[in-house]
Amino acid sequence: MLKSLSIENYALIKQLHITPNDGLNMITGETGAGKSIMLGAIGLLLGQRADTKVLFDSAKKCIIEASFDISAYRLVSLFEEFDIDFEEECLVRREINANGKSRAFVNDCLTNLDFLKRLGARLMDVHSQHETLRLAQKSYQLEVIDTVAQNHKTLQEFKALYADYLEKDGIYKSLIQESDEMRKEADYHQFLFEELDKAQLQSDEQEALESKLNKLENAEEIKSRLFDGLNLADRSEMSILNMLNELKSSLNQISRYGENYEALRQRIDSLEIELKDIVSELENEEDGVAYDPERTQEVQERLDLIYKLLQKHQAGTIDELIQVYEELGNKVLRVSNLDEAIDEAQKVADRAYALAEDVAQKLSKKRQSTFNQFAKETTQLLSSLGMPNSTISLKHGTTELSVNGIDEIDILFSANKGIDPQPLKQAASGGEFSRLMFSIKYILADKTALPTVVFDEIDTGISGEIAIKMAEMMKEMAKNHQVITITHLPQIAAKGEAHYFVYKDDSSNTTSSQIKLLNEEERLTEIAEMIGGKQATATAIDSAKELMRS
């Protein structure tokens, strides 16, 4: 339950602090004093988005902090899921800086709005005028029935299975989309693949072909130069080999006169051997060079093909072309295998759908089993709140499987005898709507473990004995829940175990909202003024005393 609430620099509130009673708390005050502003601040603690327009002083940051006793509400796993320290007394703080940036803390651990919303949904049930309007929405009516049916675990199981189905169905649909896109390009990919496959490219082929073409295109000059070289080396009378032989012969004649001459002769022998080897290679090269226009054309055509493929695929090397070839091969192969993959993905998705649908059917049966009891209880409560001729029924239909199951529920209502129940959008006035909403909240309070229930002027459109009955019902709810009620009715305010008064303070340069816990005498005065106005008469004071005694 809410142990304390502090608000600083928010809207009309400069600084405010309250420590609510464990039971039934009443908040009253004149219109515009700031009662509902407090709810806006609480909304920020529950994960609503912030706006710098809420700052009382735009130069300072806004701080809203609340302490909750959560020892009895089994929230450890939620804290573990978000890696937040768990404390039985939970401290929630929200800060809004002047630049618009917002930060949230739980037990002094920085956290995000997702966790704040998840936690807030387990800490407080805040009823506002907006939520009364939500009652007309079918999705909210379904939430009501699920709470009455105690469907929390079944609903969690279904939503997990439905999420699994959506994931698997997404895979199936993405494969179909991929297949459609790939088939549009399949023929082109097949053509490109076959073109590269036919080329039979080799990694180092381009360099070898360019070298070969260079030789073929210059064959005549190469052969002529090799021929001239052979003449110089061996084929003429004054060839290098002949002159080496003569040099060697001269050195032979004098080698016996000194070791140095013999060494020179041996070096000439080495030169002769090397030169003969060079001559042999020159002869081989000369024999291998021939002017071959046909071969030249073949090599040129092969290189032209390589250049064309490189440009076509925007590749820089043959290795990159080979990579393109392999990728195209995978695409071609994937198209041929995709039908099998789609069939398998559809079977997986169908199995997931069947599992989710099976639990959705169980969920639907549990929902429908509560219809009569819910209608009966609500009708009885409405009767006690001054609507004896009201009728409640539930219209049920089925829909395609969705995140909420297969059910479509419409709560039908009639406030008058002889009038068939109609959808809530058409059937209820403001006061009737408020009483219907309160009746539903009363039923739900017995089904939930929410620490704190907040009512913001749920007594709109009622008065007199009906207001007293509503207050008695609030008091009954407060036996198991902390209840905070913002009210404008003295009959309801008089039933509170604690009574807070919100007022405007004009004592400084800027008007601000303040709140104070009233003592018994102050309560009497406030309730009397709610009955008879600012200048409460003796009759109003007596009426206030009677209300408080009763």
Protein backbone atom coordinates (compact mmCIF):
# COMPACT_ATOMS: atom_id res chain seq x y z
CA MET A 1 0.00 0.00 0.00
CA LEU A 2 1.00 3.63 -0.36
CA LYS A 3 2.92 4.67 2.79
CA SER A 4 3.89 8.18 1.73
CA LEU A 5 3.74 10.52 -1.25
CA SER A 6 5.92 13.61 -1.84
CA ILE A 7 5.44 16.00 -4.76
CA GLU A 8 7.81 18.87 -5.47
CA ASN A 9 7.59 21.48 -8.24
CA TYR A 10 4.69 19.87 -10.13
CA ALA A 11 1.92 21.96 -11.78
CA LEU A 12 0.37 24.09 -9.00
CA ILE A 13 2.19 22.12 -6.32
CA LYS A 14 5.34 23.71 -4.95
CA GLN A 15 5.82 21.10 -2.25
CA LEU A 16 3.40 18.56 -0.83
CA HIS A 17 3.66 15.49 1.40
CA ILE A 18 1.04 13.04 2.65
CA THR A 19 1.11 9.74 4.56
CA PRO A 20 -2.24 8.06 3.77
CA ASN A 21 -4.14 5.91 6.22
CA ASP A 22 -4.11 2.14 5.62
CA GLY A 23 -7.89 2.17 5.18
CA LEU A 24 -10.28 4.69 3.65
CA ASN A 25 -8.81 8.12 2.79
CA MET A 26 -10.89 11.08 1.62
CA ILE A 27 -9.54 14.04 -0.36
CA THR A 28 -11.75 17.11 -0.74
CA GLY A 29 -11.24 20.73 -1.74
CA GLU A 30 -12.64 23.45 -3.93
CA THR A 31 -12.68 23.07 -7.71
CA GLY A 32 -9.30 23.86 -9.24
CA ALA A 33 -7.44 23.59 -5.94
CA GLY A 34 -5.34 20.70 -7.25
CA LYS A 35 -7.05 17.46 -6.20
CA SER A 36 -6.76 15.85 -9.63
CA ILE A 37 -3.26 17.32 -10.08
CA MET A 38 -2.15 14.82 -7.45
CA LEU A 39 -3.44 12.03 -9.67
CA GLY A 40 -1.34 13.39 -12.53
CA ALA A 41 1.72 13.20 -10.31
CA ILE A 42 0.84 9.64 -9.28
CA GLY A 43 0.44 8.81 -12.97
CA LEU A 44 4.09 9.79 -13.54
CA LEU A 45 5.11 7.34 -10.82
CA LEU A 46 3.11 4.65 -12.63
CA GLY A 47 4.99 5.18 -15.90
CA GLN A 48 3.11 7.89 -17.79
CA ARG A 49 5.17 10.13 -20.06
CA ALA A 50 6.39 13.46 -18.71
CA ASP A 51 6.18 17.01 -20.04
CA THR A 52 8.16 20.07 -18.96
CA LYS A 53 4.87 22.01 -18.94
CA VAL A 54 4.12 20.33 -15.58
CA LEU A 55 6.94 22.22 -13.81
CA PHE A 56 5.77 24.72 -11.15
CA ASP A 57 9.10 26.55 -11.48
CA SER A 58 10.57 26.00 -14.95
CA ALA A 59 14.09 26.63 -13.63
CA LYS A 60 13.96 23.69 -11.20
CA LYS A 61 13.39 19.97 -11.59
CA CYS A 62 10.25 18.19 -10.52
CA ILE A 63 10.59 15.30 -8.04
CA ILE A 64 7.77 12.90 -7.23
CA GLU A 65 8.48 10.16 -4.74
CA ALA A 66 6.35 7.49 -3.11
CA SER A 67 6.98 4.71 -0.64
CA PHE A 68 4.97 1.46 -0.91
CA ASP A 69 4.73 -1.51 1.42
CA ILE A 70 4.85 -4.47 -1.01
CA SER A 71 5.76 -7.25 1.43
CA ALA A 72 2.55 -9.21 0.77
CA TYR A 73 2.34 -8.99 -3.01
CA ARG A 74 4.85 -11.53 -4.43
CA LEU A 75 6.73 -9.12 -6.67
CA VAL A 76 10.26 -10.55 -6.27
CA SER A 77 10.25 -12.21 -9.71
CA LEU A 78 9.24 -8.93 -11.41
CA PHE A 79 12.19 -7.15 -9.78
CA GLU A 80 14.54 -10.00 -10.77
CA GLU A 81 13.32 -9.81 -14.39
CA PHE A 82 14.46 -6.19 -14.59
CA ASP A 83 17.52 -6.66 -12.36
CA ILE A 84 16.23 -4.21 -9.75
CA ASP A 85 16.95 -4.61 -6.02
CA PHE A 86 13.85 -5.83 -4.16
CA GLU A 87 12.90 -4.21 -0.87
CA GLU A 88 9.70 -4.84 1.07
CA GLU A 89 9.35 -1.08 1.42
CA CYS A 90 9.65 0.00 -2.22
CA LEU A 91 10.74 3.53 -3.02
CA VAL A 92 9.66 4.89 -6.44
CA ARG A 93 10.98 8.24 -7.65
CA ARG A 94 10.48 10.20 -10.85
CA GLU A 95 12.51 13.28 -11.79
CA ILE A 96 11.77 15.73 -14.63
CA ASN A 97 14.51 18.21 -15.46
CA ALA A 98 13.93 21.71 -16.80
CA ASN A 99 15.27 20.56 -20.19
CA GLY A 100 12.51 17.96 -20.46
CA LYS A 101 14.61 14.89 -19.65
CA SER A 102 12.99 12.42 -17.31
CA ARG A 103 14.52 9.74 -15.07
CA ALA A 104 12.89 7.02 -13.01
CA PHE A 105 14.29 5.21 -9.97
CA VAL A 106 13.06 2.21 -8.01
CA ASN A 107 14.88 1.57 -4.74
CA ASP A 108 17.50 4.06 -5.98
CA CYS A 109 18.16 1.90 -9.08
CA LEU A 110 17.82 3.75 -12.38
CA THR A 111 15.10 2.07 -14.45
CA ASN A 112 12.87 2.59 -17.51
CA LEU A 113 9.19 3.37 -18.05
CA ASP A 114 8.44 -0.22 -19.07
CA PHE A 115 9.33 -1.49 -15.60
CA LEU A 116 7.58 1.45 -13.98
CA LYS A 117 4.36 0.61 -15.86
CA ARG A 118 4.64 -3.09 -15.00
CA LEU A 119 5.27 -2.31 -11.34
CA GLY A 120 2.63 0.44 -11.18
CA ALA A 121 -0.02 -1.93 -12.52
CA ARG A 122 0.65 -4.15 -9.49
CA LEU A 123 0.71 -1.31 -6.94
CA MET A 124 -2.29 0.91 -7.68
CA ASP A 125 -5.61 0.86 -9.49
CA VAL A 126 -6.34 4.49 -10.32
CA HIS A 127 -9.88 5.20 -11.41
CA SER A 128 -10.35 8.43 -13.34
CA GLN A 129 -12.96 9.94 -15.63
CA HIS A 130 -10.89 8.58 -18.52
CA GLU A 131 -11.23 5.05 -17.16
CA THR A 132 -15.00 5.44 -16.90
CA LEU A 133 -14.98 6.11 -20.63
CA ARG A 134 -12.78 3.01 -21.09
CA LEU A 135 -15.62 0.88 -19.73
CA ALA A 136 -17.39 1.32 -23.06
CA GLN A 137 -14.42 -0.28 -24.85
CA LYS A 138 -14.74 -3.99 -25.55
CA SER A 139 -11.08 -4.63 -24.77
CA TYR A 140 -11.55 -3.19 -21.26
CA GLN A 141 -14.71 -5.20 -20.74
CA LEU A 142 -12.70 -8.30 -21.59
CA GLU A 143 -10.12 -7.32 -18.95
CA VAL A 144 -12.95 -7.02 -16.42
CA ILE A 145 -14.28 -10.50 -17.21
CA ASP A 146 -10.76 -11.98 -17.05
CA THR A 147 -10.27 -10.49 -13.60
CA VAL A 148 -13.63 -11.84 -12.43
CA ALA A 149 -12.80 -15.27 -13.89
CA GLN A 150 -9.35 -15.22 -12.24
CA ASN A 151 -7.83 -15.88 -15.65
CA HIS A 152 -4.37 -14.45 -14.92
CA LYS A 153 -2.38 -17.69 -15.28
CA THR A 154 -4.41 -19.00 -18.24
CA LEU A 155 -4.14 -15.63 -19.96
CA GLN A 156 -0.37 -15.57 -19.41
CA GLU A 157 -0.07 -19.08 -20.82
CA PHE A 158 -2.16 -18.12 -23.86
CA LYS A 159 -0.24 -14.91 -24.54
CA ALA A 160 3.07 -16.80 -24.42
CA LEU A 161 1.74 -19.38 -26.90
CA TYR A 162 0.23 -16.66 -29.10
CA ALA A 163 3.53 -14.76 -29.13
CA ASP A 164 5.28 -18.00 -30.13
CA TYR A 165 2.73 -18.49 -32.93
CA LEU A 166 3.23 -14.92 -34.18
CA GLU A 167 6.99 -15.49 -34.27
CA LYS A 168 6.67 -18.73 -36.24
CA ASP A 169 3.99 -17.30 -38.51
CA GLY A 170 6.30 -14.35 -39.12
CA ILE A 171 9.04 -16.73 -40.25
CA TYR A 172 6.59 -18.48 -42.58
CA LYS A 173 5.38 -15.20 -44.08
CA SER A 174 8.91 -13.86 -44.48
CA LEU A 175 9.84 -17.03 -46.39
CA ILE A 176 6.87 -16.53 -48.70
CA GLN A 177 7.87 -12.92 -49.25
CA GLU A 178 11.46 -13.94 -49.83
CA SER A 179 10.27 -16.60 -52.27
CA ASP A 180 8.14 -14.10 -54.19
CA GLU A 181 11.03 -11.65 -54.41
CA MET A 182 13.53 -14.32 -55.36
CA ARG A 183 11.30 -15.81 -58.02
CA LYS A 184 11.00 -12.39 -59.67
CA GLU A 185 14.78 -12.43 -60.11
CA ALA A 186 15.24 -16.19 -60.34
CA ASP A 187 15.57 -16.33 -64.15
CA TYR A 188 18.07 -13.49 -64.18
CA HIS A 189 20.10 -15.07 -61.39
CA GLN A 190 20.00 -18.38 -63.25
CA PHE A 191 21.27 -16.67 -66.42
CA LEU A 192 24.10 -14.94 -64.55
CA PHE A 193 25.05 -18.16 -62.80
CA GLU A 194 25.13 -20.16 -66.03
CA GLU A 195 27.17 -17.42 -67.73
CA LEU A 196 29.81 -17.56 -65.00
CA ASP A 197 29.62 -21.35 -64.83
CA LYS A 198 30.30 -21.57 -68.56
CA ALA A 199 33.30 -19.24 -68.20
CA GLN A 200 35.03 -21.69 -65.81
CA LEU A 201 37.18 -18.94 -64.33
CA GLN A 202 40.52 -19.71 -62.66
CA SER A 203 41.93 -17.60 -59.84
CA ASP A 204 45.24 -16.51 -61.49
CA GLU A 205 44.06 -16.79 -65.08
CA GLN A 206 43.90 -13.10 -65.96
CA GLU A 207 47.57 -12.35 -65.26
CA ALA A 208 48.72 -15.43 -67.21
CA LEU A 209 46.55 -14.57 -70.22
CA GLU A 210 47.68 -10.94 -70.26
CA SER A 211 51.32 -12.12 -70.27
CA LYS A 212 50.59 -14.65 -73.01
CA LEU A 213 48.83 -12.06 -75.17
CA ASN A 214 51.75 -9.69 -74.76
CA LYS A 215 54.11 -12.36 -76.19
CA LEU A 216 51.79 -13.36 -79.03
CA GLU A 217 51.26 -9.77 -80.14
CA ASN A 218 55.04 -9.15 -80.19
CA ALA A 219 56.12 -12.57 -81.54
CA GLU A 220 58.04 -11.26 -84.60
CA GLU A 221 60.15 -8.84 -82.61
CA ILE A 222 60.79 -11.41 -79.87
CA LYS A 223 61.88 -14.07 -82.39
CA SER A 224 64.13 -11.58 -84.18
CA ARG A 225 65.83 -10.51 -80.97
CA LEU A 226 66.33 -14.12 -79.84
CA PHE A 227 67.83 -14.96 -83.25
CA ASP A 228 70.26 -12.02 -82.97
CA GLY A 229 71.19 -13.12 -79.49
CA LEU A 230 71.95 -16.66 -80.63
CA ASN A 231 74.18 -15.33 -83.42
CA LEU A 232 76.14 -13.27 -80.93
CA ALA A 233 76.41 -16.09 -78.46
CA ASP A 234 77.15 -19.11 -80.66
CA ARG A 235 76.26 -19.06 -84.36
CA SER A 236 78.81 -16.67 -85.86
CA GLU A 237 82.60 -17.03 -86.32
CA MET A 238 83.11 -14.21 -83.84
CA SER A 239 80.56 -15.58 -81.36
CA ILE A 240 81.10 -15.19 -77.66
CA LEU A 241 81.53 -18.95 -77.21
CA ASN A 242 84.30 -19.05 -79.88
CA MET A 243 86.09 -16.16 -78.25
CA LEU A 244 85.79 -17.84 -74.83
CA ASN A 245 87.36 -20.99 -76.35
CA GLU A 246 90.28 -18.97 -77.63
CA LEU A 247 90.68 -17.28 -74.23
CA LYS A 248 90.54 -20.60 -72.48
CA SER A 249 93.17 -22.03 -74.89
CA SER A 250 95.52 -19.12 -74.13
CA LEU A 251 95.14 -19.59 -70.38
CA ASN A 252 95.73 -23.35 -70.76
CA GLN A 253 99.15 -22.54 -72.14
CA ILE A 254 100.22 -20.58 -69.08
CA SER A 255 98.26 -22.31 -66.28
CA ARG A 256 101.39 -24.39 -65.40
CA TYR A 257 103.24 -21.18 -64.50
CA GLY A 258 101.05 -20.21 -61.59
CA GLU A 259 97.99 -21.15 -59.59
CA ASN A 260 96.38 -17.81 -60.30
CA TYR A 261 96.40 -18.57 -64.03
CA GLU A 262 94.79 -21.92 -63.39
CA ALA A 263 92.11 -20.22 -61.31
CA LEU A 264 91.37 -17.82 -64.13
CA ARG A 265 91.05 -20.70 -66.58
CA GLN A 266 88.57 -22.46 -64.30
CA ARG A 267 86.48 -19.31 -64.09
CA ILE A 268 86.43 -19.22 -67.91
CA ASP A 269 85.19 -22.83 -67.82
CA SER A 270 82.33 -21.74 -65.55
CA LEU A 271 81.46 -18.88 -67.91
CA GLU A 272 81.43 -21.28 -70.84
CA ILE A 273 79.09 -23.69 -69.05
CA GLU A 274 76.71 -20.84 -68.08
CA LEU A 275 76.78 -19.39 -71.59
CA LYS A 276 76.05 -22.76 -73.20
CA ASP A 277 73.08 -23.11 -70.83
CA ILE A 278 71.87 -19.64 -71.84
CA VAL A 279 72.25 -20.55 -75.51
CA SER A 280 70.19 -23.69 -74.95
CA GLU A 281 67.38 -21.67 -73.32
CA LEU A 282 67.54 -19.08 -76.08
CA GLU A 283 67.11 -21.85 -78.65
CA ASN A 284 64.12 -23.22 -76.72
CA GLU A 285 62.56 -19.79 -76.50
CA GLU A 286 63.18 -19.18 -80.21
CA ASP A 287 61.60 -22.49 -81.12
CA GLY A 288 58.58 -21.68 -78.89
CA VAL A 289 57.91 -18.27 -80.43
CA ALA A 290 55.77 -18.24 -83.51
CA TYR A 291 53.39 -15.75 -85.07
CA ASP A 292 49.94 -17.35 -84.47
CA PRO A 293 47.00 -15.05 -85.32
CA GLU A 294 44.44 -17.71 -84.40
CA ARG A 295 45.90 -18.29 -80.93
CA THR A 296 46.24 -14.53 -80.44
CA GLN A 297 42.53 -14.10 -81.18
CA GLU A 298 41.61 -16.90 -78.76
CA VAL A 299 43.57 -15.31 -75.92
CA GLN A 300 42.16 -11.85 -76.73
CA GLU A 301 38.60 -13.19 -76.74
CA ARG A 302 39.14 -14.94 -73.41
CA LEU A 303 40.46 -11.74 -71.86
CA ASP A 304 37.60 -9.72 -73.37
CA LEU A 305 35.15 -12.12 -71.68
CA ILE A 306 36.93 -11.71 -68.34
CA TYR A 307 36.94 -7.90 -68.65
CA LYS A 308 33.26 -7.91 -69.58
CA LEU A 309 32.34 -10.10 -66.57
CA LEU A 310 34.42 -7.97 -64.22
CA GLN A 311 32.63 -4.82 -65.38
CA LYS A 312 29.19 -6.48 -65.38
CA HIS A 313 29.50 -7.63 -61.78
CA GLN A 314 31.48 -4.58 -60.66
CA ALA A 315 34.33 -6.81 -59.54
CA GLY A 316 38.00 -5.93 -59.32
CA THR A 317 39.50 -9.42 -59.57
CA ILE A 318 38.64 -12.90 -60.76
CA ASP A 319 38.54 -14.01 -57.10
CA GLU A 320 35.69 -11.54 -56.55
CA LEU A 321 33.94 -12.92 -59.64
CA ILE A 322 34.28 -16.44 -58.26
CA GLN A 323 32.67 -15.21 -55.00
CA VAL A 324 29.78 -13.71 -57.02
CA TYR A 325 29.47 -17.05 -58.83
CA GLU A 326 29.21 -18.93 -55.51
CA GLU A 327 26.61 -16.47 -54.16
CA LEU A 328 24.51 -16.82 -57.31
CA GLY A 329 24.78 -20.58 -56.98
CA ASN A 330 23.45 -20.37 -53.42
CA LYS A 331 20.53 -18.18 -54.58
CA VAL A 332 19.68 -20.55 -57.39
CA LEU A 333 19.88 -23.49 -54.99
CA ARG A 334 17.81 -21.64 -52.36
CA VAL A 335 15.01 -20.98 -54.84
CA SER A 336 14.86 -24.67 -55.62
CA ASN A 337 14.81 -25.56 -51.90
CA LEU A 338 12.55 -22.72 -50.74
CA ASP A 339 9.26 -24.54 -51.37
CA GLU A 340 10.36 -27.27 -48.98
CA ALA A 341 11.37 -24.68 -46.37
CA ILE A 342 8.01 -22.88 -46.76
CA ASP A 343 6.08 -26.13 -46.30
CA GLU A 344 8.03 -26.92 -43.14
CA ALA A 345 7.62 -23.37 -41.76
CA GLN A 346 3.86 -23.55 -42.40
CA LYS A 347 3.63 -26.85 -40.49
CA VAL A 348 5.54 -25.33 -37.55
CA ALA A 349 3.28 -22.25 -37.56
CA ASP A 350 0.15 -24.40 -37.78
CA ARG A 351 1.27 -26.47 -34.78
CA ALA A 352 1.93 -23.27 -32.78
CA TYR A 353 -1.49 -21.93 -33.81
CA ALA A 354 -3.20 -25.14 -32.68
CA LEU A 355 -1.55 -24.94 -29.26
CA ALA A 356 -2.56 -21.29 -28.83
CA GLU A 357 -6.10 -21.96 -30.05
CA ASP A 358 -6.49 -24.85 -27.61
CA VAL A 359 -5.69 -22.59 -24.63
CA ALA A 360 -7.84 -19.81 -26.16
CA GLN A 361 -10.79 -22.24 -26.09
CA LYS A 362 -10.15 -22.99 -22.40
CA LEU A 363 -9.87 -19.26 -21.73
CA SER A 364 -13.17 -18.69 -23.54
CA LYS A 365 -14.98 -21.34 -21.47
CA LYS A 366 -13.71 -19.81 -18.23
CA ARG A 367 -14.84 -16.37 -19.36
CA GLN A 368 -18.31 -17.54 -20.35
CA SER A 369 -18.72 -19.42 -17.07
CA THR A 370 -18.62 -16.10 -15.19
CA PHE A 371 -21.19 -14.21 -17.29
CA ASN A 372 -24.31 -15.05 -15.28
CA GLN A 373 -22.70 -14.53 -11.88
CA PHE A 374 -21.11 -11.24 -12.97
CA ALA A 375 -24.43 -9.95 -14.34
CA LYS A 376 -26.25 -11.02 -11.16
CA GLU A 377 -23.75 -9.41 -8.78
CA THR A 378 -23.57 -6.19 -10.77
CA THR A 379 -27.36 -5.92 -10.97
CA GLN A 380 -27.67 -6.40 -7.19
CA LEU A 381 -25.08 -3.71 -6.50
CA LEU A 382 -26.75 -1.30 -8.90
CA SER A 383 -30.05 -1.91 -7.15
CA SER A 384 -28.48 -1.02 -3.80
CA LEU A 385 -27.13 2.16 -5.44
CA GLY A 386 -30.61 3.36 -6.40
CA MET A 387 -31.07 1.58 -9.74
CA PRO A 388 -33.54 -1.25 -8.91
CA ASN A 389 -34.72 -1.65 -12.50
CA SER A 390 -31.28 -1.95 -14.07
CA THR A 391 -30.42 -4.96 -16.17
CA ILE A 392 -26.99 -6.32 -17.11
CA SER A 393 -26.30 -9.00 -19.70
CA LEU A 394 -23.31 -10.04 -21.75
CA LYS A 395 -23.23 -10.57 -25.48
CA HIS A 396 -20.60 -13.05 -26.61
CA GLY A 397 -19.10 -13.70 -30.01
CA THR A 398 -15.97 -15.27 -31.40
CA THR A 399 -13.31 -13.67 -33.56
CA GLU A 400 -10.11 -14.66 -35.30
CA LEU A 401 -7.37 -15.61 -32.87
CA SER A 402 -5.75 -12.45 -31.48
CA VAL A 403 -3.68 -11.35 -28.50
CA ASN A 404 -6.84 -11.51 -26.35
CA GLY A 405 -7.96 -14.95 -27.51
CA ILE A 406 -11.04 -15.71 -29.58
CA ASP A 407 -13.67 -13.84 -27.57
CA GLU A 408 -15.52 -10.64 -28.30
CA ILE A 409 -17.52 -9.47 -25.30
CA ASP A 410 -20.04 -6.67 -25.07
CA ILE A 411 -21.54 -5.70 -21.70
CA LEU A 412 -25.15 -4.65 -22.29
CA PHE A 413 -26.96 -2.36 -19.87
CA SER A 414 -30.40 -0.93 -19.26
CA ALA A 415 -31.28 1.37 -16.36
CA ASN A 416 -35.04 1.21 -16.90
CA LYS A 417 -37.76 -1.43 -16.71
CA GLY A 418 -39.01 -2.71 -20.05
CA ILE A 419 -35.97 -1.40 -22.00
CA ASP A 420 -33.77 -4.04 -23.55
CA PRO A 421 -30.10 -3.83 -22.53
CA GLN A 422 -27.96 -1.91 -25.00
CA PRO A 423 -24.20 -1.47 -25.49
CA LEU A 424 -22.77 0.86 -22.85
CA LYS A 425 -21.98 3.61 -25.36
CA GLN A 426 -25.69 3.97 -26.02
CA ALA A 427 -27.32 3.03 -22.73
CA ALA A 428 -25.86 4.92 -19.77
CA SER A 429 -25.96 8.52 -18.59
CA GLY A 430 -23.10 10.06 -16.59
CA GLY A 431 -24.46 9.19 -13.16
CA GLU A 432 -25.53 5.72 -14.26
CA PHE A 433 -22.12 5.13 -15.78
CA SER A 434 -20.39 6.14 -12.54
CA ARG A 435 -22.52 3.76 -10.47
CA LEU A 436 -21.98 0.95 -12.95
CA MET A 437 -18.23 1.54 -12.92
CA PHE A 438 -18.13 1.65 -9.15
CA SER A 439 -20.11 -1.59 -8.92
CA ILE A 440 -17.64 -3.27 -11.22
CA LYS A 441 -14.69 -1.88 -9.23
CA TYR A 442 -16.30 -3.22 -6.06
CA ILE A 443 -16.55 -6.69 -7.59
CA LEU A 444 -12.99 -6.56 -8.95
CA ALA A 445 -11.54 -5.43 -5.61
CA ASP A 446 -12.46 -8.79 -4.16
CA LYS A 447 -10.69 -10.58 -7.02
CA THR A 448 -7.39 -8.70 -7.09
CA ALA A 449 -4.41 -8.22 -4.81
CA LEU A 450 -3.88 -4.54 -5.57
CA PRO A 451 -2.55 -2.70 -2.49
CA THR A 452 -4.18 0.66 -3.29
CA VAL A 453 -7.39 1.68 -5.09
CA VAL A 454 -7.84 5.34 -6.05
CA PHE A 455 -11.22 6.85 -7.04
CA ASP A 456 -11.30 10.25 -8.72
CA GLU A 457 -14.85 11.64 -8.41
CA ILE A 458 -16.53 8.32 -9.17
CA ASP A 459 -19.52 9.79 -7.32
CA THR A 460 -20.36 12.07 -10.27
CA GLY A 461 -24.11 12.31 -10.81
CA ILE A 462 -25.22 10.79 -7.49
CA SER A 463 -26.33 12.23 -4.13
CA GLY A 464 -28.29 11.53 -0.96
CA GLU A 465 -28.84 7.97 0.20
CA ILE A 466 -27.11 6.56 -2.86
CA ALA A 467 -23.94 8.47 -1.95
CA ILE A 468 -24.13 7.07 1.59
CA LYS A 469 -24.47 3.54 0.23
CA MET A 470 -21.49 4.10 -2.07
CA ALA A 471 -19.44 5.34 0.88
CA GLU A 472 -20.39 2.23 2.88
CA MET A 473 -19.23 0.07 -0.01
CA MET A 474 -15.94 2.00 -0.13
CA LYS A 475 -15.52 1.34 3.58
CA GLU A 476 -16.12 -2.35 2.95
CA MET A 477 -13.47 -2.34 0.22
CA ALA A 478 -11.06 -0.60 2.61
CA LYS A 479 -11.06 -3.67 4.88
CA ASN A 480 -8.82 -5.44 2.35
CA HIS A 481 -7.42 -2.54 0.33
CA GLN A 482 -6.13 0.93 0.94
CA VAL A 483 -8.71 3.22 -0.69
CA ILE A 484 -8.12 6.87 -1.63
CA THR A 485 -11.20 8.78 -2.81
CA ILE A 486 -11.34 12.26 -4.32
CA THR A 487 -14.92 13.38 -3.73
CA HIS A 488 -17.20 16.41 -3.78
CA LEU A 489 -19.96 14.75 -1.74
CA PRO A 490 -20.21 15.27 2.05
CA GLN A 491 -21.98 11.91 2.46
CA ILE A 492 -18.89 10.14 1.13
CA ALA A 493 -16.26 12.41 2.71
CA ALA A 494 -17.82 11.82 6.15
CA LYS A 495 -17.03 8.09 6.02
CA GLY A 496 -13.26 8.46 5.70
CA GLU A 497 -10.80 7.20 8.30
CA ALA A 498 -8.50 10.03 7.21
CA HIS A 499 -9.59 13.27 5.56
CA TYR A 500 -7.21 15.44 3.51
CA PHE A 501 -8.10 18.95 2.37
CA VAL A 502 -6.57 20.48 -0.77
CA TYR A 503 -6.53 24.25 -1.03
CA LYS A 504 -4.89 27.12 -2.86
CA ASP A 505 -2.28 29.16 -1.01
CA ASP A 506 -2.07 32.79 -2.19
CA SER A 507 0.26 33.99 0.58
CA SER A 508 3.31 34.26 -1.72
CA ASN A 509 3.82 35.81 -5.16
CA THR A 510 2.72 32.62 -6.91
CA THR A 511 -0.42 30.65 -6.10
CA SER A 512 0.29 27.06 -5.10
CA SER A 513 -1.70 24.01 -4.05
CA GLN A 514 -1.37 22.72 -0.50
CA ILE A 515 -2.81 19.73 1.36
CA LYS A 516 -3.42 19.15 5.03
CA LEU A 517 -4.71 16.28 7.15
CA LEU A 518 -7.82 17.52 8.95
CA ASN A 519 -8.46 16.88 12.62
CA GLU A 520 -11.99 16.09 13.82
CA GLU A 521 -12.99 19.72 14.27
CA GLU A 522 -11.59 20.70 10.87
CA ARG A 523 -13.35 17.71 9.28
CA LEU A 524 -16.65 18.86 10.75
CA THR A 525 -16.15 22.35 9.36
CA GLU A 526 -15.16 21.09 5.91
CA ILE A 527 -18.11 18.68 5.63
CA ALA A 528 -20.51 21.39 6.84
CA GLU A 529 -19.15 23.75 4.16
CA MET A 530 -19.59 20.98 1.57
CA ILE A 531 -23.25 20.85 2.64
CA GLY A 532 -24.08 24.54 3.04
CA GLY A 533 -21.30 26.59 1.48
CA LYS A 534 -18.52 28.71 2.96
CA GLN A 535 -20.71 30.28 5.62
CA ALA A 536 -22.04 27.01 7.02
CA THR A 537 -25.27 27.36 8.99
CA ALA A 538 -26.06 25.63 12.24
CA THR A 539 -28.27 23.25 10.26
CA ALA A 540 -25.34 22.36 7.98
CA ILE A 541 -23.12 21.75 10.99
CA ASP A 542 -25.75 19.51 12.58
CA SER A 543 -26.08 17.60 9.29
CA ALA A 544 -22.30 17.20 9.15
CA LYS A 545 -22.24 15.85 12.71
CA GLU A 546 -25.00 13.40 11.83
CA LEU A 547 -23.12 12.20 8.74
CA MET A 548 -19.92 11.71 10.71
CA ARG A 549 -21.74 9.86 13.53
CA SER A 550 -23.52 7.54 11.13
